[in-house]
Amino acid sequence: MRKTCLLLISMLFFCLSTSFAFAEEEQSETASLNLRVYRPARILITYTYTNNFSVSDVSSVGQSLYKITSGPTSIEFKAEDIDIYTFTVTIRYAEIVGQSIQIAVWSGNQPPQGLQINVKSNIVKIRFEVTVSEQPQYPSAQEVAGQVVKQIASELAAYRRQTDETLNMLNQNMLVQWFLIVFCASATIFMLYMLMHLRRSMESA
């Protein structure tokens, strides 16, 4: 009887252990990330050491070039072209591991941004959708100052041309006025001379 009880207890313990191990084996966590970055883009995923890692379902809308480097503690994604990239990172462990997966994102010439995913499982899947676009270009302070100086110089040059044209017109008008004054004075003197000559002629007669 005692042997039968011990056998039953052993079988129960074995079943519980098997069920617990099976539950541990099947425990997984999945996350999805949609990232919008500028080129060149770089994403670095850092995790606890494991030899069982993979990157799958890698695709892009166009025929763009990208590079994925994977290792026991990190996976790195790099892209130079404008496109939409998708890929899935899978990390597996022999037992349940509690950890904080660190994700660093580089976007164009901006400083890197950090993300953190807290998990406690032996299978971790992270699906990425990365939209890479062109970084907008803004003029620097020196370029803005240079443009302002050029604009002011252009406006001053235009004002100087207008002033010179105005002065030339005024000078031309003054010449015309002086010509008219001289002409009128000459005509007046000539008329006076003629009148005086006519008067003398009449007096002589």
C-alpha atoms as a PDB file:
ATOM      1  CA  MET A   1       0.000   0.000   0.000  1.00  0.00           C
ATOM      2  CA  ARG A   2       2.814   2.332   0.891  1.00  0.00           C
ATOM      3  CA  LYS A   3       4.548   1.552  -2.383  1.00  0.00           C
ATOM      4  CA  THR A   4       1.391   2.294  -4.305  1.00  0.00           C
ATOM      5  CA  CYS A   5       0.999   5.652  -2.561  1.00  0.00           C
ATOM      6  CA  LEU A   6       4.607   6.532  -3.205  1.00  0.00           C
ATOM      7  CA  LEU A   7       4.173   5.571  -6.848  1.00  0.00           C
ATOM      8  CA  LEU A   8       1.064   7.713  -7.159  1.00  0.00           C
ATOM      9  CA  ILE A   9       2.779  10.655  -5.476  1.00  0.00           C
ATOM     10  CA  SER A  10       5.795  10.279  -7.763  1.00  0.00           C
ATOM     11  CA  MET A  11       3.591  10.196 -10.845  1.00  0.00           C
ATOM     12  CA  LEU A  12       1.652  13.248  -9.630  1.00  0.00           C
ATOM     13  CA  PHE A  13       4.870  15.135  -8.948  1.00  0.00           C
ATOM     14  CA  PHE A  14       6.184  14.164 -12.398  1.00  0.00           C
ATOM     15  CA  CYS A  15       2.999  15.357 -14.067  1.00  0.00           C
ATOM     16  CA  LEU A  16       3.099  18.644 -12.162  1.00  0.00           C
ATOM     17  CA  SER A  17       6.760  19.155 -13.046  1.00  0.00           C
ATOM     18  CA  THR A  18       6.094  18.344 -16.695  1.00  0.00           C
ATOM     19  CA  SER A  19       3.135  20.718 -16.780  1.00  0.00           C
ATOM     20  CA  PHE A  20       5.176  23.456 -15.118  1.00  0.00           C
ATOM     21  CA  ALA A  21       8.033  22.961 -17.564  1.00  0.00           C
ATOM     22  CA  PHE A  22       5.600  22.954 -20.469  1.00  0.00           C
ATOM     23  CA  ALA A  23       4.038  26.163 -19.171  1.00  0.00           C
ATOM     24  CA  GLU A  24       7.466  27.753 -18.922  1.00  0.00           C
ATOM     25  CA  GLU A  25       8.341  26.615 -22.438  1.00  0.00           C
ATOM     26  CA  GLU A  26       5.199  28.124 -23.921  1.00  0.00           C
ATOM     27  CA  GLN A  27       5.350  31.475 -22.114  1.00  0.00           C
ATOM     28  CA  SER A  28       6.088  34.276 -24.576  1.00  0.00           C
ATOM     29  CA  GLU A  29       5.642  38.034 -24.952  1.00  0.00           C
ATOM     30  CA  THR A  30       5.113  40.015 -28.142  1.00  0.00           C
ATOM     31  CA  ALA A  31       5.480  43.735 -28.802  1.00  0.00           C
ATOM     32  CA  SER A  32       5.007  45.885 -31.911  1.00  0.00           C
ATOM     33  CA  LEU A  33       6.835  49.126 -32.609  1.00  0.00           C
ATOM     34  CA  ASN A  34       6.113  51.666 -35.363  1.00  0.00           C
ATOM     35  CA  LEU A  35       9.072  54.002 -35.700  1.00  0.00           C
ATOM     36  CA  ARG A  36       9.432  57.088 -37.912  1.00  0.00           C
ATOM     37  CA  VAL A  37      13.026  58.149 -38.435  1.00  0.00           C
ATOM     38  CA  TYR A  38      15.231  60.112 -40.819  1.00  0.00           C
ATOM     39  CA  ARG A  39      18.015  58.621 -42.865  1.00  0.00           C
ATOM     40  CA  PRO A  40      20.541  57.350 -42.109  1.00  0.00           C
ATOM     41  CA  ALA A  41      18.603  55.228 -39.604  1.00  0.00           C
ATOM     42  CA  ARG A  42      20.025  52.887 -36.995  1.00  0.00           C
ATOM     43  CA  ILE A  43      18.247  50.714 -34.405  1.00  0.00           C
ATOM     44  CA  LEU A  44      20.115  48.758 -31.736  1.00  0.00           C
ATOM     45  CA  ILE A  45      18.258  46.129 -29.636  1.00  0.00           C
ATOM     46  CA  THR A  46      20.148  44.976 -26.530  1.00  0.00           C
ATOM     47  CA  TYR A  47      19.040  41.973 -24.417  1.00  0.00           C
ATOM     48  CA  THR A  48      20.264  39.352 -21.944  1.00  0.00           C
ATOM     49  CA  TYR A  49      22.746  36.847 -23.363  1.00  0.00           C
ATOM     50  CA  THR A  50      21.327  33.994 -25.430  1.00  0.00           C
ATOM     51  CA  ASN A  51      22.465  31.862 -28.340  1.00  0.00           C
ATOM     52  CA  ASN A  52      18.918  31.440 -29.622  1.00  0.00           C
ATOM     53  CA  PHE A  53      18.031  34.633 -31.514  1.00  0.00           C
ATOM     54  CA  SER A  54      16.740  35.380 -34.995  1.00  0.00           C
ATOM     55  CA  VAL A  55      15.502  38.120 -37.328  1.00  0.00           C
ATOM     56  CA  SER A  56      12.679  37.091 -39.655  1.00  0.00           C
ATOM     57  CA  ASP A  57       9.980  38.519 -41.949  1.00  0.00           C
ATOM     58  CA  VAL A  58      12.384  41.155 -43.241  1.00  0.00           C
ATOM     59  CA  SER A  59      10.928  43.237 -46.058  1.00  0.00           C
ATOM     60  CA  SER A  60      10.835  46.713 -47.610  1.00  0.00           C
ATOM     61  CA  VAL A  61       8.417  48.433 -49.958  1.00  0.00           C
ATOM     62  CA  GLY A  62      11.109  49.306 -52.517  1.00  0.00           C
ATOM     63  CA  GLN A  63      14.403  47.762 -53.543  1.00  0.00           C
ATOM     64  CA  SER A  64      16.232  49.506 -50.723  1.00  0.00           C
ATOM     65  CA  LEU A  65      19.488  48.532 -49.111  1.00  0.00           C
ATOM     66  CA  TYR A  66      19.641  47.718 -45.406  1.00  0.00           C
ATOM     67  CA  LYS A  67      21.935  45.808 -43.072  1.00  0.00           C
ATOM     68  CA  ILE A  68      21.098  43.638 -40.053  1.00  0.00           C
ATOM     69  CA  THR A  69      23.799  42.423 -37.675  1.00  0.00           C
ATOM     70  CA  SER A  70      22.838  39.975 -34.911  1.00  0.00           C
ATOM     71  CA  GLY A  71      24.652  38.524 -31.909  1.00  0.00           C
ATOM     72  CA  PRO A  72      24.093  36.876 -28.496  1.00  0.00           C
ATOM     73  CA  THR A  73      23.434  40.219 -26.757  1.00  0.00           C
ATOM     74  CA  SER A  74      22.302  42.646 -29.493  1.00  0.00           C
ATOM     75  CA  ILE A  75      20.751  43.028 -32.923  1.00  0.00           C
ATOM     76  CA  GLU A  76      21.457  46.082 -35.091  1.00  0.00           C
ATOM     77  CA  PHE A  77      19.454  47.400 -38.051  1.00  0.00           C
ATOM     78  CA  LYS A  78      20.806  50.052 -40.442  1.00  0.00           C
ATOM     79  CA  ALA A  79      19.140  51.712 -43.437  1.00  0.00           C
ATOM     80  CA  GLU A  80      20.322  54.475 -45.748  1.00  0.00           C
ATOM     81  CA  ASP A  81      17.417  54.617 -48.223  1.00  0.00           C
ATOM     82  CA  ILE A  82      13.993  56.207 -47.873  1.00  0.00           C
ATOM     83  CA  ASP A  83      11.522  53.347 -47.483  1.00  0.00           C
ATOM     84  CA  ILE A  84       9.290  51.382 -45.081  1.00  0.00           C
ATOM     85  CA  TYR A  85      11.041  48.401 -43.505  1.00  0.00           C
ATOM     86  CA  THR A  86       9.509  45.578 -41.459  1.00  0.00           C
ATOM     87  CA  PHE A  87      11.223  42.804 -39.509  1.00  0.00           C
ATOM     88  CA  THR A  88      10.628  40.610 -36.458  1.00  0.00           C
ATOM     89  CA  VAL A  89      13.174  39.962 -33.721  1.00  0.00           C
ATOM     90  CA  THR A  90      12.767  36.701 -31.775  1.00  0.00           C
ATOM     91  CA  ILE A  91      14.766  35.962 -28.628  1.00  0.00           C
ATOM     92  CA  ARG A  92      14.510  32.563 -26.883  1.00  0.00           C
ATOM     93  CA  TYR A  93      15.785  31.265 -23.534  1.00  0.00           C
ATOM     94  CA  ALA A  94      15.851  27.840 -21.927  1.00  0.00           C
ATOM     95  CA  GLU A  95      13.931  29.228 -18.942  1.00  0.00           C
ATOM     96  CA  ILE A  96      11.901  32.285 -18.045  1.00  0.00           C
ATOM     97  CA  VAL A  97      14.057  35.408 -17.825  1.00  0.00           C
ATOM     98  CA  GLY A  98      13.014  38.780 -16.439  1.00  0.00           C
ATOM     99  CA  GLN A  99      14.798  41.622 -18.209  1.00  0.00           C
ATOM    100  CA  SER A 100      14.570  45.123 -19.666  1.00  0.00           C
ATOM    101  CA  ILE A 101      15.201  45.071 -23.389  1.00  0.00           C
ATOM    102  CA  GLN A 102      16.870  48.320 -24.433  1.00  0.00           C
ATOM    103  CA  ILE A 103      16.191  49.816 -27.875  1.00  0.00           C
ATOM    104  CA  ALA A 104      18.316  52.748 -29.050  1.00  0.00           C
ATOM    105  CA  VAL A 105      17.128  54.653 -32.142  1.00  0.00           C
ATOM    106  CA  TRP A 106      19.336  56.952 -34.227  1.00  0.00           C
ATOM    107  CA  SER A 107      17.525  59.267 -36.651  1.00  0.00           C
ATOM    108  CA  GLY A 108      19.530  61.346 -39.136  1.00  0.00           C
ATOM    109  CA  ASN A 109      21.930  63.664 -37.326  1.00  0.00           C
ATOM    110  CA  GLN A 110      19.786  63.824 -34.179  1.00  0.00           C
ATOM    111  CA  PRO A 111      20.954  62.407 -30.839  1.00  0.00           C
ATOM    112  CA  PRO A 112      19.796  58.832 -30.146  1.00  0.00           C
ATOM    113  CA  GLN A 113      16.485  58.137 -28.416  1.00  0.00           C
ATOM    114  CA  GLY A 114      16.038  55.244 -25.987  1.00  0.00           C
ATOM    115  CA  LEU A 115      13.132  52.822 -25.515  1.00  0.00           C
ATOM    116  CA  GLN A 116      12.723  50.115 -22.890  1.00  0.00           C
ATOM    117  CA  ILE A 117      10.550  46.995 -22.901  1.00  0.00           C
ATOM    118  CA  ASN A 118      10.193  45.074 -19.615  1.00  0.00           C
ATOM    119  CA  VAL A 119       9.492  41.369 -20.119  1.00  0.00           C
ATOM    120  CA  LYS A 120       9.464  38.155 -18.088  1.00  0.00           C
ATOM    121  CA  SER A 121       9.347  35.144 -20.370  1.00  0.00           C
ATOM    122  CA  ASN A 122      11.500  32.720 -22.272  1.00  0.00           C
ATOM    123  CA  ILE A 123      10.300  33.773 -25.746  1.00  0.00           C
ATOM    124  CA  VAL A 124      10.251  37.436 -26.758  1.00  0.00           C
ATOM    125  CA  LYS A 125       9.045  38.679 -30.155  1.00  0.00           C
ATOM    126  CA  ILE A 126       9.289  42.304 -31.235  1.00  0.00           C
ATOM    127  CA  ARG A 127       7.803  43.342 -34.568  1.00  0.00           C
ATOM    128  CA  PHE A 128       9.262  46.497 -36.103  1.00  0.00           C
ATOM    129  CA  GLU A 129       7.850  48.783 -38.782  1.00  0.00           C
ATOM    130  CA  VAL A 130      10.391  51.490 -39.550  1.00  0.00           C
ATOM    131  CA  THR A 131       9.505  54.398 -41.847  1.00  0.00           C
ATOM    132  CA  VAL A 132      12.654  56.147 -43.055  1.00  0.00           C
ATOM    133  CA  SER A 133      12.259  59.597 -44.644  1.00  0.00           C
ATOM    134  CA  GLU A 134      14.442  62.550 -45.642  1.00  0.00           C
ATOM    135  CA  GLN A 135      15.429  64.865 -42.836  1.00  0.00           C
ATOM    136  CA  PRO A 136      14.216  68.445 -43.431  1.00  0.00           C
ATOM    137  CA  GLN A 137      16.991  70.982 -43.889  1.00  0.00           C
ATOM    138  CA  TYR A 138      16.847  74.254 -41.961  1.00  0.00           C
ATOM    139  CA  PRO A 139      19.272  77.141 -42.586  1.00  0.00           C
ATOM    140  CA  SER A 140      21.855  77.834 -39.919  1.00  0.00           C
ATOM    141  CA  ALA A 141      22.130  81.146 -38.050  1.00  0.00           C
ATOM    142  CA  GLN A 142      25.080  82.160 -40.239  1.00  0.00           C
ATOM    143  CA  GLU A 143      23.137  81.373 -43.429  1.00  0.00           C
ATOM    144  CA  VAL A 144      20.149  83.378 -42.196  1.00  0.00           C
ATOM    145  CA  ALA A 145      22.420  86.319 -41.298  1.00  0.00           C
ATOM    146  CA  GLY A 146      24.070  86.116 -44.718  1.00  0.00           C
ATOM    147  CA  GLN A 147      20.697  86.165 -46.458  1.00  0.00           C
ATOM    148  CA  VAL A 148      19.604  89.180 -44.386  1.00  0.00           C
ATOM    149  CA  VAL A 149      22.814  91.048 -45.270  1.00  0.00           C
ATOM    150  CA  LYS A 150      22.362  90.248 -48.965  1.00  0.00           C
ATOM    151  CA  GLN A 151      18.756  91.415 -48.892  1.00  0.00           C
ATOM    152  CA  ILE A 152      19.660  94.677 -47.142  1.00  0.00           C
ATOM    153  CA  ALA A 153      22.518  95.287 -49.583  1.00  0.00           C
ATOM    154  CA  SER A 154      20.180  94.626 -52.515  1.00  0.00           C
ATOM    155  CA  GLU A 155      17.577  97.039 -51.139  1.00  0.00           C
ATOM    156  CA  LEU A 156      20.244  99.714 -50.543  1.00  0.00           C
ATOM    157  CA  ALA A 157      21.527  99.280 -54.093  1.00  0.00           C
ATOM    158  CA  ALA A 158      17.988  99.616 -55.472  1.00  0.00           C
ATOM    159  CA  TYR A 159      17.406 102.728 -53.347  1.00  0.00           C
ATOM    160  CA  ARG A 160      20.668 104.233 -54.586  1.00  0.00           C
ATOM    161  CA  ARG A 161      19.697 103.568 -58.214  1.00  0.00           C
ATOM    162  CA  GLN A 162      16.309 105.216 -57.662  1.00  0.00           C
ATOM    163  CA  THR A 163      17.993 108.205 -55.983  1.00  0.00           C
ATOM    164  CA  ASP A 164      20.469 108.566 -58.844  1.00  0.00           C
ATOM    165  CA  GLU A 165      17.649 108.404 -61.399  1.00  0.00           C
ATOM    166  CA  THR A 166      15.697 111.045 -59.477  1.00  0.00           C
ATOM    167  CA  LEU A 167      18.728 113.344 -59.291  1.00  0.00           C
ATOM    168  CA  ASN A 168      19.377 112.895 -63.009  1.00  0.00           C
ATOM    169  CA  MET A 169      15.775 113.828 -63.779  1.00  0.00           C
ATOM    170  CA  LEU A 170      16.032 116.875 -61.522  1.00  0.00           C
ATOM    171  CA  ASN A 171      19.276 117.927 -63.203  1.00  0.00           C
ATOM    172  CA  GLN A 172      17.698 117.517 -66.614  1.00  0.00           C
ATOM    173  CA  ASN A 173      14.706 119.594 -65.528  1.00  0.00           C
ATOM    174  CA  MET A 174      16.996 122.307 -64.215  1.00  0.00           C
ATOM    175  CA  LEU A 175      18.838 122.414 -67.557  1.00  0.00           C
ATOM    176  CA  VAL A 176      15.531 122.753 -69.366  1.00  0.00           C
ATOM    177  CA  GLN A 177      14.430 125.510 -66.994  1.00  0.00           C
ATOM    178  CA  TRP A 178      17.705 127.392 -67.453  1.00  0.00           C
ATOM    179  CA  PHE A 179      17.398 127.023 -71.223  1.00  0.00           C
ATOM    180  CA  LEU A 180      13.889 128.456 -71.114  1.00  0.00           C
ATOM    181  CA  ILE A 181      15.017 131.341 -68.907  1.00  0.00           C
ATOM    182  CA  VAL A 182      17.897 132.185 -71.242  1.00  0.00           C
ATOM    183  CA  PHE A 183      15.656 131.884 -74.296  1.00  0.00           C
ATOM    184  CA  CYS A 184      12.996 134.142 -72.766  1.00  0.00           C
ATOM    185  CA  ALA A 185      15.597 136.678 -71.663  1.00  0.00           C
ATOM    186  CA  SER A 186      17.200 136.678 -75.123  1.00  0.00           C
ATOM    187  CA  ALA A 187      13.797 137.104 -76.797  1.00  0.00           C
ATOM    188  CA  THR A 188      12.945 139.956 -74.431  1.00  0.00           C
ATOM    189  CA  ILE A 189      16.238 141.743 -75.089  1.00  0.00           C
ATOM    190  CA  PHE A 190      15.768 141.266 -78.822  1.00  0.00           C
ATOM    191  CA  MET A 191      12.244 142.699 -78.660  1.00  0.00           C
ATOM    192  CA  LEU A 192      13.453 145.692 -76.631  1.00  0.00           C
ATOM    193  CA  TYR A 193      16.244 146.265 -79.117  1.00  0.00           C
ATOM    194  CA  MET A 194      13.814 146.168 -82.008  1.00  0.00           C
ATOM    195  CA  LEU A 195      11.436 148.569 -80.257  1.00  0.00           C
ATOM    196  CA  MET A 196      14.259 151.013 -79.501  1.00  0.00           C
ATOM    197  CA  HIS A 197      15.488 150.774 -83.106  1.00  0.00           C
ATOM    198  CA  LEU A 198      11.954 151.393 -84.423  1.00  0.00           C
ATOM    199  CA  ARG A 199      11.511 154.353 -82.101  1.00  0.00           C
ATOM    200  CA  ARG A 200      14.786 155.939 -83.262  1.00  0.00           C
ATOM    201  CA  SER A 201      13.777 155.395 -86.870  1.00  0.00           C
ATOM    202  CA  MET A 202      10.456 157.143 -86.256  1.00  0.00           C
ATOM    203  CA  GLU A 203      12.133 160.021 -84.452  1.00  0.00           C
ATOM    204  CA  SER A 204      14.638 160.482 -87.289  1.00  0.00           C
ATOM    205  CA  ALA A 205      11.818 160.627 -89.803  1.00  0.00           C
END
